[in-house]
Protein backbone atom coordinates (compact mmCIF):
# COMPACT_ATOMS: atom_id res chain seq x y z
CA MET A 1 0.14 -0.07 0.05
CA GLY A 2 1.38 3.25 -1.05
CA ASP A 3 1.88 6.31 1.25
CA ASN A 4 -1.29 8.24 -0.23
CA GLU A 5 -3.64 5.53 0.60
CA VAL A 6 -1.98 5.29 4.22
CA ILE A 7 -2.02 8.89 4.67
CA ALA A 8 -6.06 8.71 3.78
CA LYS A 9 -6.92 5.69 5.88
CA LEU A 10 -4.72 7.50 8.97
CA VAL A 11 -6.40 10.85 8.09
CA ALA A 12 -9.82 8.88 8.40
CA ALA A 13 -9.13 7.33 11.54
CA LEU A 14 -7.64 10.64 13.38
CA THR A 15 -10.74 12.77 12.92
CA HIS A 16 -12.15 10.72 15.24
CA PHE A 17 -9.65 11.68 17.84
CA LYS A 18 -10.92 14.39 20.34
CA PRO A 19 -9.62 16.52 23.01
CA GLY A 20 -9.54 14.48 26.29
CA ALA A 21 -10.43 10.99 23.95
CA PRO A 22 -7.69 10.41 23.62
CA LEU A 23 -5.91 13.47 23.23
CA LYS A 24 -5.12 14.69 26.74
CA ASN A 25 -4.14 18.01 27.44
CA TYR A 26 -4.95 19.02 24.09
CA ILE A 27 -4.84 22.61 22.95
CA ALA A 28 -8.04 23.10 21.11
CA TYR A 29 -7.56 26.70 20.17
CA ALA A 30 -5.59 29.98 20.78
CA VAL A 31 -6.80 33.35 20.31
CA PHE A 32 -4.57 36.31 19.99
CA PRO A 33 -5.94 39.58 21.43
CA LYS A 34 -2.66 41.45 20.84
CA PHE A 35 0.47 39.58 19.47
CA LYS A 36 2.92 40.78 17.23
CA ASN A 37 1.23 41.64 13.57
CA LEU A 38 -1.48 39.24 13.64
CA GLU A 39 -4.74 40.84 13.52
CA GLU A 40 -6.35 41.65 16.92
CA GLY A 41 -8.66 38.88 18.31
CA THR A 42 -7.29 36.37 15.82
CA ARG A 43 -8.34 32.59 16.66
CA ILE A 44 -6.82 29.20 15.37
CA ASP A 45 -8.88 26.23 16.23
CA PHE A 46 -7.01 22.83 16.00
CA ASN A 47 -9.88 20.83 14.73
CA PHE A 48 -7.24 17.94 13.80
CA PRO A 49 -4.49 16.69 15.75
CA LEU A 50 -2.16 17.71 12.86
CA THR A 51 -2.74 21.55 11.60
CA ALA A 52 -0.58 23.01 8.87
CA LEU A 53 0.21 26.69 8.99
CA VAL A 54 0.36 27.90 5.04
CA GLY A 55 1.36 31.38 3.77
CA PRO A 56 4.18 33.29 2.20
CA ASN A 57 7.57 34.40 4.28
CA GLY A 58 7.11 36.76 6.80
CA ILE A 59 3.40 36.37 7.55
CA GLY A 60 3.50 35.01 11.18
CA LYS A 61 3.64 31.39 10.87
CA SER A 62 6.66 30.95 12.95
CA SER A 63 5.31 33.43 15.52
CA VAL A 64 2.04 31.18 15.96
CA LEU A 65 4.61 28.32 16.63
CA HIS A 66 6.50 30.44 19.24
CA ALA A 67 3.42 31.20 20.88
CA LEU A 68 2.53 27.54 21.09
CA TRP A 69 5.66 26.90 22.31
CA GLY A 70 5.51 29.36 25.28
CA MET A 71 1.97 28.04 26.23
CA PRO A 72 2.52 24.81 28.47
CA TYR A 73 3.59 24.96 31.91
CA LYS A 74 7.17 25.94 32.26
CA TYR A 75 7.91 27.13 28.89
CA SER A 76 7.92 30.81 27.83
CA THR A 77 7.76 32.37 24.20
CA SER A 78 10.48 34.81 25.45
CA LYS A 79 12.82 32.00 24.07
CA PHE A 80 12.38 32.97 20.73
CA TRP A 81 10.94 36.56 20.85
CA PHE A 82 12.58 39.11 23.11
CA GLU A 83 13.24 42.82 22.85
CA THR A 84 16.26 44.29 21.73
CA ALA A 85 17.60 47.93 21.10
CA LEU A 86 16.87 47.15 17.25
CA ASP A 87 13.34 45.33 17.92
CA PRO A 88 11.48 46.83 20.89
CA ILE A 89 8.50 45.35 21.81
CA GLY A 90 5.48 47.77 22.51
CA HIS A 91 2.36 47.61 24.08
CA PRO A 92 1.46 44.72 26.10
CA GLN A 93 1.23 41.20 24.44
CA THR A 94 -0.89 38.78 25.48
CA TYR A 95 -2.87 35.39 23.92
CA PHE A 96 -4.95 32.76 25.50
CA TYR A 97 -5.96 29.22 24.87
CA GLY A 98 -8.27 26.54 25.31
CA HIS A 99 -6.98 23.07 26.57
CA TRP A 100 -8.51 19.96 27.98
CA SER A 101 -8.66 19.38 31.67
CA ASP A 102 -9.50 15.99 32.76
CA SER A 103 -10.38 17.13 36.13
CA PHE A 104 -12.89 19.74 34.96
CA GLY A 105 -13.93 17.31 32.02
CA GLY A 106 -13.82 20.00 29.48
CA LEU A 107 -12.19 22.74 28.07
CA VAL A 108 -10.49 25.43 30.48
CA GLU A 109 -8.95 28.74 29.25
CA THR A 110 -5.43 29.94 30.07
CA ARG A 111 -3.96 33.55 29.47
CA LYS A 112 -0.24 34.15 29.26
CA ALA A 113 1.06 37.87 29.21
CA ARG A 114 4.12 39.67 28.61
CA VAL A 115 3.70 41.75 32.04
CA GLY A 116 5.82 42.82 35.13
CA ALA A 117 8.99 44.36 35.51
CA LYS A 118 11.05 41.41 34.53
CA ARG A 119 12.27 41.86 30.95
CA ASP A 120 10.76 39.65 28.48
CA TYR A 121 8.78 37.56 31.21
CA TRP A 122 5.57 35.62 29.89
CA GLU A 123 3.35 34.90 32.84
CA PRO A 124 -0.29 33.13 33.43
CA ALA A 125 -2.59 35.90 34.12
CA ARG A 126 -5.89 36.64 35.19
CA PRO A 127 -8.83 35.86 32.45
CA ARG A 128 -9.90 39.17 30.67
CA LEU A 129 -13.45 38.88 29.90
CA SER A 130 -13.19 41.81 27.64
CA ASP A 131 -11.11 39.66 25.25
CA GLY A 132 -13.78 37.12 24.98
CA MET A 133 -12.79 34.69 27.73
CA LEU A 134 -14.78 32.41 29.67
CA PRO A 135 -15.34 32.97 33.53
CA ILE A 136 -13.69 31.02 35.78
CA PRO A 137 -16.52 28.24 37.19
CA PRO A 138 -17.04 27.73 40.83
CA GLY A 139 -15.81 24.74 42.78
CA LYS A 140 -12.33 22.91 43.10
CA TYR A 141 -10.63 21.37 39.88
CA GLU A 142 -7.19 20.41 39.67
CA GLY A 143 -5.20 23.05 37.69
CA LYS A 144 -7.45 25.67 38.94
CA ALA A 145 -6.38 28.78 41.24
CA LEU A 146 -8.67 31.37 42.90
CA ASP A 147 -8.93 33.51 39.70
CA ARG A 148 -7.35 31.64 36.90
CA TRP A 149 -6.43 28.37 35.10
CA HIS A 150 -2.63 27.39 35.43
CA PRO A 151 -1.01 26.40 32.09
CA VAL A 152 -1.48 22.85 30.27
CA ARG A 153 1.14 20.66 31.40
CA ARG A 154 2.75 18.56 28.63
CA GLU A 155 6.35 18.25 26.81
CA VAL A 156 6.83 20.45 23.88
CA ARG A 157 9.19 19.65 20.89
CA TYR A 158 10.33 22.48 18.64
CA ILE A 159 12.08 21.03 15.41
CA ASN A 160 13.22 23.55 12.85
CA LEU A 161 14.59 21.92 10.00
CA LYS A 162 15.66 25.15 8.07
CA ALA A 163 18.17 25.20 10.89
CA VAL A 164 19.68 21.79 10.93
CA PHE A 165 22.91 21.48 9.34
CA GLY A 166 25.54 18.45 9.63
CA SER A 167 28.92 19.41 11.73
CA PHE A 168 30.80 19.56 8.44
CA ASP A 169 28.64 21.86 6.53
CA ARG A 170 28.30 24.28 9.46
CA TYR A 171 31.83 24.65 9.90
CA PHE A 172 33.06 24.43 6.09
CA TYR A 173 30.10 26.76 4.78
CA PHE A 174 29.26 29.07 8.08
CA ASP A 175 32.85 29.54 9.58
CA ASP A 176 34.59 32.57 7.87
CA ASP A 177 37.35 32.96 10.49
CA ARG A 178 39.81 31.07 9.00
CA SER A 179 41.40 30.57 5.59
CA GLY A 180 40.73 27.88 3.32
CA GLY A 181 44.05 26.23 4.30
CA ASP A 182 43.66 26.70 7.91
CA ARG A 183 39.85 25.49 7.87
CA ARG A 184 40.71 22.27 5.95
CA GLU A 185 43.59 21.20 8.53
CA ALA A 186 41.14 21.73 11.28
CA MET A 187 38.50 19.84 9.63
CA LEU A 188 41.08 17.06 9.06
CA ARG A 189 42.32 16.93 12.43
CA GLU A 190 38.67 16.87 14.02
CA ALA A 191 37.61 14.16 11.68
CA LEU A 192 40.45 11.98 13.20
CA ARG A 193 38.83 12.95 16.66
CA LEU A 194 35.37 11.86 15.31
CA LYS A 195 36.36 8.70 13.93
CA SER A 196 38.09 7.84 17.39
CA VAL A 197 34.96 8.97 19.44
CA LYS A 198 32.96 6.53 17.14
CA ASP A 199 35.45 3.65 16.92
CA ARG A 200 35.92 3.47 20.73
CA ASN A 201 32.32 4.07 21.53
CA LEU A 202 33.48 6.90 23.76
CA GLN A 203 31.23 8.51 25.86
CA SER A 204 33.31 11.51 27.08
CA TYR A 205 35.80 13.59 25.28
CA LYS A 206 37.72 16.53 26.65
CA LEU A 207 40.57 18.55 25.29
CA GLY A 208 43.07 18.38 28.30
CA ARG A 209 41.33 19.70 31.58
CA GLY A 210 38.86 21.60 29.33
CA GLN A 211 34.97 21.34 29.45
CA GLU A 212 33.28 18.10 28.00
CA ARG A 213 33.10 18.18 24.31
CA LEU A 214 31.07 14.95 23.30
CA PHE A 215 27.34 14.96 24.38
CA GLU A 216 25.96 11.81 22.52
CA ASN A 217 27.67 8.90 20.92
CA ARG A 218 25.28 5.98 19.64
CA ASP A 219 23.91 4.01 16.94
CA LEU A 220 20.05 4.84 16.12
CA THR A 221 17.76 2.25 17.63
CA LYS A 222 15.90 -0.34 14.98
CA ASN A 223 12.90 1.85 15.08
CA GLU A 224 14.46 5.35 14.61
CA LEU A 225 16.61 3.35 11.77
CA GLU A 226 13.73 2.04 10.21
CA SER A 227 11.83 5.36 10.58
CA VAL A 228 14.72 7.36 8.66
CA SER A 229 14.91 4.34 5.70
CA LYS A 230 11.14 4.71 5.15
CA ILE A 231 11.09 8.62 4.92
CA LEU A 232 14.24 8.53 2.54
CA GLY A 233 13.17 5.65 0.57
CA ARG A 234 16.61 3.75 1.02
CA ASN A 235 17.64 1.05 3.48
CA TYR A 236 20.41 1.75 5.84
CA ASP A 237 22.51 -0.90 7.38
CA SER A 238 23.04 1.23 10.43
CA ALA A 239 23.71 4.83 11.61
CA ARG A 240 25.55 6.52 14.51
CA ILE A 241 24.89 10.07 15.82
CA ILE A 242 27.57 12.03 17.54
CA ARG A 243 26.56 15.31 19.23
CA HIS A 244 30.01 17.22 20.02
CA SER A 245 31.77 20.50 19.98
CA LEU A 246 35.21 19.18 18.35
CA TYR A 247 35.13 21.59 15.69
CA PRO A 248 37.54 24.86 16.66
CA GLY A 249 35.37 27.76 17.68
CA ASN A 250 33.57 26.54 20.83
CA ARG A 251 30.47 26.96 18.96
CA GLY A 252 28.18 25.09 20.87
CA ARG A 253 26.69 21.41 19.98
CA ASP A 254 27.32 19.82 16.50
CA LEU A 255 25.66 17.05 14.81
CA SER A 256 27.49 14.55 12.96
CA VAL A 257 25.84 11.37 11.51
CA VAL A 258 28.12 8.17 10.19
CA PHE A 259 25.97 6.01 7.93
CA ARG A 260 26.57 2.91 6.60
CA ARG A 261 24.79 1.36 3.22
CA GLY A 262 27.52 -1.03 1.77
CA SER A 263 30.16 1.20 2.87
CA GLU A 264 30.31 3.87 5.57
CA TYR A 265 30.17 7.68 5.03
CA SER A 266 29.86 10.54 7.51
CA GLU A 267 27.42 13.65 6.98
CA ALA A 268 30.21 15.29 4.92
CA PHE A 269 29.13 13.25 2.07
CA ALA A 270 25.62 12.62 3.27
CA GLY A 271 22.85 14.63 1.28
CA SER A 272 21.32 16.97 3.52
CA GLY A 273 18.22 15.37 3.59
CA GLU A 274 19.69 12.31 5.39
CA ILE A 275 20.98 14.78 8.21
CA ALA A 276 17.25 16.31 8.25
CA ALA A 277 15.27 12.93 8.32
CA VAL A 278 17.77 11.82 11.10
CA SER A 279 17.44 15.11 13.23
CA ALA A 280 13.33 14.84 12.87
CA VAL A 281 13.06 11.27 13.87
CA VAL A 282 15.08 11.11 16.72
CA GLU A 283 13.39 14.24 18.19
CA ILE A 284 10.02 12.96 17.64
CA LEU A 285 10.58 9.23 18.61
CA LYS A 286 11.95 10.80 22.01
CA ALA A 287 8.97 12.71 22.78
CA LYS A 288 6.78 11.62 25.48
CA ASP A 289 2.96 10.74 24.78
CA TYR A 290 0.77 13.69 24.58
CA SER A 291 3.59 16.12 23.50
CA LEU A 292 3.20 18.91 21.50
CA ILE A 293 5.24 18.93 18.68
CA LEU A 294 6.23 22.33 16.68
CA LEU A 295 7.52 21.68 13.10
CA ASP A 296 8.74 24.67 11.41
CA GLU A 297 9.25 24.19 7.52
CA PRO A 298 9.91 20.43 7.70
CA GLU A 299 10.14 19.99 3.82
CA THR A 300 13.43 21.88 4.06
CA SER A 301 15.94 19.57 2.16
CA LEU A 302 13.53 16.54 1.53
CA HIS A 303 12.66 15.66 -1.80
CA PRO A 304 8.32 15.40 -2.33
CA GLY A 305 8.44 11.64 -1.66
CA ALA A 306 10.45 11.97 1.46
CA GLN A 307 8.06 14.84 2.75
CA ARG A 308 5.04 12.53 1.90
CA ALA A 309 6.79 9.62 3.68
CA LEU A 310 7.38 11.92 6.75
CA LEU A 311 3.54 13.32 6.68
CA ARG A 312 2.79 9.33 7.09
CA PHE A 313 5.30 9.14 10.01
CA LEU A 314 3.88 11.99 11.61
CA LEU A 315 0.24 10.93 11.22
CA GLU A 316 1.50 7.34 12.69
CA GLN A 317 3.16 8.94 15.81
CA ILE A 318 -0.10 10.85 16.44
CA GLN A 319 -2.16 7.66 16.25
CA GLU A 320 0.40 5.97 18.58
CA LYS A 321 1.36 8.20 21.13
CA ASN A 322 -1.79 10.71 20.94
CA HIS A 323 0.63 13.75 20.12
CA GLN A 324 -0.58 17.11 18.79
CA ILE A 325 1.47 18.50 15.84
CA VAL A 326 1.52 21.77 14.35
CA MET A 327 3.92 22.71 11.26
CA SER A 328 4.50 25.47 9.20
CA THR A 329 4.95 24.57 5.46
CA HIS A 330 5.01 25.81 2.14
CA SER A 331 4.61 22.12 0.63
CA ASP A 332 1.75 20.85 -1.10
CA GLU A 333 2.83 17.37 0.19
CA PHE A 334 2.06 18.02 3.64
CA ILE A 335 -1.27 19.60 2.92
CA LYS A 336 -3.04 18.17 -0.15
CA ASN A 337 -4.16 14.76 2.08
CA LEU A 338 -5.26 16.91 4.94
CA PRO A 339 -8.88 17.85 5.84
CA HIS A 340 -9.49 21.43 4.89
CA ASP A 341 -10.12 22.80 8.59
CA ALA A 342 -6.37 21.49 9.24
CA ILE A 343 -5.18 23.70 6.58
CA LYS A 344 -4.80 27.38 8.21
CA VAL A 345 -3.87 30.09 5.61
CA PHE A 346 -2.46 33.26 6.63
CA GLU A 347 -2.77 36.34 4.49
CA GLU A 348 -2.53 40.23 4.85
CA ASN A 349 -5.39 42.11 5.84
CA GLY A 350 -5.03 45.35 3.90
CA GLN A 351 -3.58 47.10 7.09
CA PHE A 352 -0.07 45.37 7.53
CA ARG A 353 -1.60 42.61 9.66
CA SER A 354 -2.17 39.06 9.23
CA ARG A 355 -5.10 37.27 9.50
CA ILE A 356 -5.67 33.57 9.57
CA LEU A 357 -8.59 31.72 7.33
CA PRO A 358 -10.20 29.03 9.51
CA ARG A 359 -10.12 26.61 6.73
CA SER A 360 -8.83 26.15 3.12
CA SER A 361 -8.67 23.77 0.52
CA PRO A 362 -4.96 22.58 -0.38
CA ASP A 363 -5.38 24.51 -3.97
CA ALA A 364 -6.60 27.74 -2.18
CA ALA A 365 -3.86 27.47 0.12
CA LEU A 366 -1.42 26.80 -2.53
CA LEU A 367 -2.51 29.76 -4.86
CA ARG A 368 -1.67 32.00 -2.13
CA LEU A 369 1.68 30.95 -2.50
CA GLY A 370 1.89 31.58 -6.28
CA LYS A 371 1.17 28.05 -7.56
CA LEU A 372 -1.69 27.43 -9.73
CA PRO A 373 -4.18 24.53 -8.63
CA GLU A 374 -3.29 21.16 -10.28
CA ASN A 375 -6.76 19.37 -9.29
CA VAL A 376 -9.27 21.55 -11.10
CA ARG A 377 -12.74 20.47 -10.32
CA ARG A 378 -15.07 20.66 -13.48
CA VAL A 379 -18.75 21.89 -13.23
CA LEU A 380 -21.01 20.92 -16.05
CA VAL A 381 -24.25 22.61 -16.48
CA GLU A 382 -26.79 22.45 -19.28
CA ASP A 383 -26.45 25.95 -21.05
CA PRO A 384 -24.68 29.25 -20.56
CA VAL A 385 -27.15 30.85 -18.62
CA ALA A 386 -26.82 27.99 -15.64
CA ALA A 387 -22.96 28.71 -16.34
CA ALA A 388 -23.23 32.51 -15.80
CA LEU A 389 -25.05 31.72 -12.59
CA VAL A 390 -22.38 29.26 -11.14
CA LEU A 391 -19.62 31.47 -12.35
CA HIS A 392 -21.23 34.45 -10.36
CA ALA A 393 -21.66 32.24 -7.38
CA ALA A 394 -18.16 31.26 -7.55
CA LYS A 395 -16.89 34.80 -7.25
CA SER A 396 -18.24 34.98 -3.84
CA LEU A 397 -15.87 32.14 -2.90
CA ASP A 398 -12.29 32.49 -1.48
CA HIS A 399 -10.43 33.24 -4.67
CA GLY A 400 -8.32 30.16 -4.22
CA ASP A 401 -11.20 27.97 -4.21
CA ALA A 402 -12.57 30.01 -7.19
CA ALA A 403 -9.48 29.31 -9.32
CA ALA A 404 -9.90 25.56 -8.51
CA LEU A 405 -13.58 25.63 -10.45
CA GLU A 406 -14.00 25.43 -14.07
CA VAL A 407 -17.46 25.71 -15.15
CA ARG A 408 -18.68 24.17 -18.68
CA VAL A 409 -21.75 23.76 -20.77
CA ALA A 410 -22.29 20.11 -21.50
CA PRO A 411 -23.75 19.14 -24.98
CA GLY A 412 -26.58 17.30 -25.06
CA GLY A 413 -28.47 18.07 -21.61
CA ALA A 414 -29.36 16.42 -18.34
CA GLU A 415 -30.39 13.01 -20.20
CA SER A 416 -27.15 12.89 -22.16
CA ILE A 417 -25.06 13.97 -19.25
CA LEU A 418 -26.72 10.97 -16.75
CA THR A 419 -26.94 8.21 -19.50
CA TYR A 420 -23.51 8.65 -20.85
CA MET A 421 -20.96 11.02 -19.32
CA GLY A 422 -21.72 10.22 -15.67
CA PRO A 423 -21.16 6.36 -15.86
CA SER A 424 -17.89 7.41 -18.15
CA ALA A 425 -16.85 9.98 -15.52
CA MET A 426 -16.97 7.50 -12.71
CA VAL A 427 -15.07 4.77 -14.21
CA SER A 428 -12.47 7.23 -15.53
CA GLY A 429 -11.97 8.93 -12.26
CA ASP A 430 -12.50 12.59 -13.69
CA ASN A 431 -13.21 15.22 -11.32
CA ILE A 432 -16.45 16.23 -12.63
CA PHE A 433 -19.60 17.51 -10.91
CA PHE A 434 -22.94 18.39 -12.60
CA MET A 435 -25.11 20.96 -11.70
CA LEU A 436 -28.44 20.42 -13.62
CA ASP A 437 -31.43 22.32 -14.14
CA GLY A 438 -33.99 22.19 -10.94
CA ASP A 439 -36.56 20.66 -13.12
CA LYS A 440 -34.73 17.44 -13.79
CA ARG A 441 -34.64 16.85 -10.13
CA LYS A 442 -36.91 13.64 -9.40
CA VAL A 443 -36.25 13.16 -5.90
CA ASP A 444 -35.00 15.08 -2.90
CA SER A 445 -31.66 12.84 -2.60
CA PHE A 446 -30.64 9.76 -4.42
CA SER A 447 -30.77 6.40 -2.50
CA ASP A 448 -27.83 5.51 -0.31
CA PRO A 449 -26.62 2.32 -1.96
CA ASP A 450 -25.18 0.90 1.55
CA MET A 451 -28.95 1.00 2.83
CA ILE A 452 -30.06 -1.16 -0.25
CA PRO A 453 -30.19 -4.95 0.81
CA PRO A 454 -29.23 -7.76 -1.79
CA ALA A 455 -32.73 -8.81 -1.80
CA LYS A 456 -33.68 -5.36 -3.63
CA HIS A 457 -30.52 -5.58 -6.12
CA ASN A 458 -32.81 -6.74 -9.18
CA ASP A 459 -34.66 -3.64 -8.50
CA LEU A 460 -31.72 -1.30 -9.07
CA GLU A 461 -32.38 -0.48 -12.57
CA ASP A 462 -35.83 0.78 -11.75
CA LEU A 463 -34.80 2.45 -8.91
CA ILE A 464 -31.99 4.45 -10.72
CA LYS A 465 -34.33 5.40 -13.56
CA LYS A 466 -37.07 6.68 -11.39
CA GLU A 467 -34.27 9.07 -9.69
CA ILE A 468 -32.57 10.39 -12.73
CA GLY A 469 -35.05 9.99 -15.40
CA CYS A 470 -33.05 7.85 -17.73
CA LYS A 471 -31.41 4.58 -17.97
CA PRO A 472 -27.51 4.82 -17.45
CA ARG A 473 -25.13 2.96 -19.96
CA TYR A 474 -22.37 1.44 -17.75
CA GLN A 475 -19.37 0.04 -18.87
CA ILE A 476 -19.56 -3.83 -18.13
CA PRO A 477 -17.06 -6.24 -19.40
CA GLY A 478 -18.95 -8.80 -21.94
CA GLY A 479 -18.34 -12.23 -22.25
CA ASP A 480 -20.74 -15.46 -21.91
CA ASP A 481 -20.36 -15.48 -18.09
CA LYS A 482 -24.13 -14.40 -17.66
CA HIS A 483 -23.71 -14.71 -13.78
CA GLY A 484 -20.67 -12.57 -13.78
CA HIS A 485 -22.10 -10.13 -15.82
CA SER A 486 -25.19 -9.69 -13.90
CA ASN A 487 -22.83 -9.13 -10.48
CA ALA A 488 -20.61 -6.49 -12.36
CA LYS A 489 -23.93 -4.84 -13.37
CA VAL A 490 -25.12 -4.59 -9.90
CA THR A 491 -21.93 -3.30 -8.78
CA ALA A 492 -21.74 -0.45 -11.46
CA GLN A 493 -25.55 0.38 -10.29
CA LEU A 494 -24.57 0.64 -6.51
CA ASN A 495 -21.50 2.66 -7.45
CA TYR A 496 -23.26 4.89 -9.84
CA LEU A 497 -25.82 5.97 -7.10
CA ARG A 498 -22.64 6.59 -4.73
CA TRP A 499 -21.48 8.61 -7.38
CA LEU A 500 -24.53 10.41 -7.98
CA ARG A 501 -25.08 11.05 -4.21
CA LYS A 502 -21.35 12.88 -4.29
CA ARG A 503 -21.43 14.53 -7.80
CA VAL A 504 -24.91 15.53 -8.82
CA SER A 505 -26.75 18.48 -7.58
CA TYR A 506 -29.69 20.95 -9.03
CA LEU A 507 -30.35 24.79 -9.36
CA PRO A 508 -32.42 26.03 -6.99
CA ARG A 509 -35.32 26.68 -9.42
CA LEU A 510 -36.57 24.83 -12.49
CA VAL A 511 -34.71 26.55 -14.78
CA PRO A 512 -31.71 29.20 -14.40
CA GLU A 513 -34.02 31.90 -16.04
CA HIS A 514 -36.13 31.35 -13.12
CA VAL A 515 -33.19 32.59 -10.67
CA LEU A 516 -32.74 35.82 -12.65
CA LEU A 517 -36.24 36.68 -12.93
CA ALA A 518 -36.73 36.21 -9.16
CA ALA A 519 -34.00 38.31 -8.65
CA MET A 520 -34.83 41.22 -10.88
CA GLU A 521 -38.61 41.11 -9.82
CA PRO A 522 -39.13 39.20 -6.60
CA LYS A 523 -42.96 39.77 -6.59
CA GLY A 524 -43.30 39.12 -10.43
CA GLY A 525 -45.13 35.88 -10.17
CA HIS A 526 -42.41 34.08 -12.39
CA GLU A 527 -42.16 30.75 -10.41
CA ASP A 528 -45.37 29.19 -12.24
CA LYS A 529 -43.71 29.72 -15.89
CA THR A 530 -42.65 27.05 -17.88
CA ALA A 531 -39.03 26.87 -19.16
CA LYS A 532 -40.01 28.31 -22.34
CA GLN A 533 -42.51 31.12 -20.52
CA ALA A 534 -39.59 32.20 -18.29
CA LYS A 535 -37.34 32.61 -21.34
CA VAL A 536 -39.86 35.02 -23.38
CA ALA A 537 -40.25 36.71 -19.93
CA LEU A 538 -36.67 37.00 -19.21
CA LYS A 539 -36.14 38.58 -22.74
CA GLY A 540 -39.00 40.88 -22.21
CA LEU A 541 -37.61 42.24 -18.86
CA LEU A 542 -34.07 42.97 -20.46
CA THR A 543 -35.31 44.51 -23.36
CA LYS A 544 -38.26 46.42 -21.74
CA GLY A 545 -38.66 50.08 -22.97
CA SER A 546 -36.95 49.30 -25.88
CA LYS A 547 -37.35 48.52 -29.69
CA PHE A 548 -34.22 46.59 -30.23
CA GLU A 549 -34.30 43.07 -31.17
CA PRO A 550 -31.37 41.51 -29.73
CA SER A 551 -29.41 38.47 -31.16
CA GLY A 552 -28.54 35.43 -29.37
CA ASP A 553 -25.08 36.40 -28.60
CA GLU A 554 -26.43 40.12 -27.42
CA LEU A 555 -29.06 38.35 -25.55
CA ARG A 556 -26.37 36.34 -23.52
CA ALA A 557 -24.42 39.45 -22.80
CA LEU A 558 -27.42 41.37 -21.35
CA ILE A 559 -27.93 38.27 -19.43
CA LYS A 560 -24.63 38.11 -18.11
CA ILE A 561 -24.64 41.85 -17.13
CA GLU A 562 -27.90 41.03 -15.27
CA ILE A 563 -26.75 38.19 -13.48
CA GLY A 564 -23.46 40.39 -12.36
CA LYS A 565 -25.94 42.64 -10.24
CA ILE A 566 -27.28 39.84 -8.19
CA PRO A 567 -26.29 40.24 -4.52
CA PHE A 568 -23.92 37.30 -3.16
CA ASP A 569 -26.42 37.05 -0.33
CA ASN A 570 -29.13 36.25 -2.64
CA ALA A 571 -31.11 33.16 -1.60
CA ASP A 572 -30.33 31.15 -4.81
CA ILE A 573 -26.85 32.26 -5.25
CA VAL A 574 -25.96 31.26 -1.70
CA VAL A 575 -27.43 27.68 -2.22
CA ILE A 576 -25.16 27.52 -5.26
CA ARG A 577 -22.40 28.72 -3.53
CA ASP A 578 -22.89 26.46 -0.82
CA GLN A 579 -22.91 23.21 -3.00
CA LEU A 580 -19.62 24.48 -4.72
CA GLN A 581 -18.10 24.76 -1.15
CA ARG A 582 -19.30 21.14 -0.50
CA TRP A 583 -17.56 19.95 -4.01
CA LEU A 584 -14.69 21.56 -2.92
CA HIS A 585 -14.11 20.84 0.60
CA GLY A 586 -16.29 17.59 0.98
């Protein structure tokens, strides 16, 4: 089974994971009354245990990750955001968040604010009802003080793959204090020390009587190695991770990894993706159950297949250890299979602040990053007037969602669409939807095939004809096996019912002209007119007071102009738009 199939199953399973069951200490939402450049009162709901923050550079994604880091007990946002002479922090900053409390049996709210005389100190604060916070309930509960709820207690892991470099790259590319020759000599010398550390399995290394230079030296565990192999799509015999400060300059901890895959090689000859995968896997597998894991651009240095495999790994870890994961990303591989309410899109609000959209399709999210949608949904209608109405309704969608739609007029009318095009699209998997005129509707909703017992399968042909008004032509294998042919036909009929329920809808009125007539003359009594009468009435309204006899093209132009005047809150336009959103977002 491929990664995409496994990811789809994991996503389906994790949609049932809720705060408290089984996600203990889960942060369900965060609100930012005043925080950096976010629009005041911005709220993010974490409806799915893995949330993707999407938006252009500098829009505030990392700022939200920094706030999340500081939310639990004994963590502070000041680790990432502090005042300097160049970057002073102005008015008081604050955020609050809702988190699960087992003792209370529901969500409670904790507020943190940058207050007090201590510089860059973020402390729990009393709730501020003016910010929309919940009042403190009476009674005694674990984690509750007299006037506030204490911060949630959980481990946090922050993984910034943009800042992950092997020790060789870090010294070779970023240390400019030495000439090329001196640097080369130093690297040769330290390579000998690293080899000695590895070969002798040392757990301590000091230069003379100096400070400790070796912090970790071990082989990856079987689980770690298998996870790295799956993400990178290649098998490794072994890998050893060494954290040290052996290179000159006393620059803190460096990371070296020695891989064995047939032959042995260090991070100096490894791809940067290998280092990134090892670093991410080690950190995530080390996290305790119910941890909050924050990933900043995890796609860094990973090819698309590895990104997809990493997403699968993350979802598996949520399922196994009930983590909550929030990531910032620009990659379609991380968001294209996620529920739409797990994708939070950041955009400018026109006043130099960032707003966050509560849900988005992957196409809409990526369009904001300048990537045209690949998975365009084609909506077929019966005539140009219906097409103009659907396109008008689509203009009130998020512009990314609107760009993911294509509206076309299907030749042959509804009967041809449902008889031939529907069964063909079902088999080919084309991303096509049909919005037919309301006078073609035979039933309020199509029958659910899963509720039809086998004893009724012989009646499927009559049932489908009753519900769509025609007899579909299925693509069924031929041959002399009558029993096999019969079974294949039943399968096709059940699948077609399932397909119809997902992909066929109807305009809210009998014909599209009725929608326009109702908008132009709400009390004109046009609803009882036949399709032919409605066309005549519409032409009369459009040319009223004129002796002008428009041609077909001129009449269609007048119709488009009049449709463009219909308000987006018009009841019929709302019905059409809501259906488009269901097709876009599921």
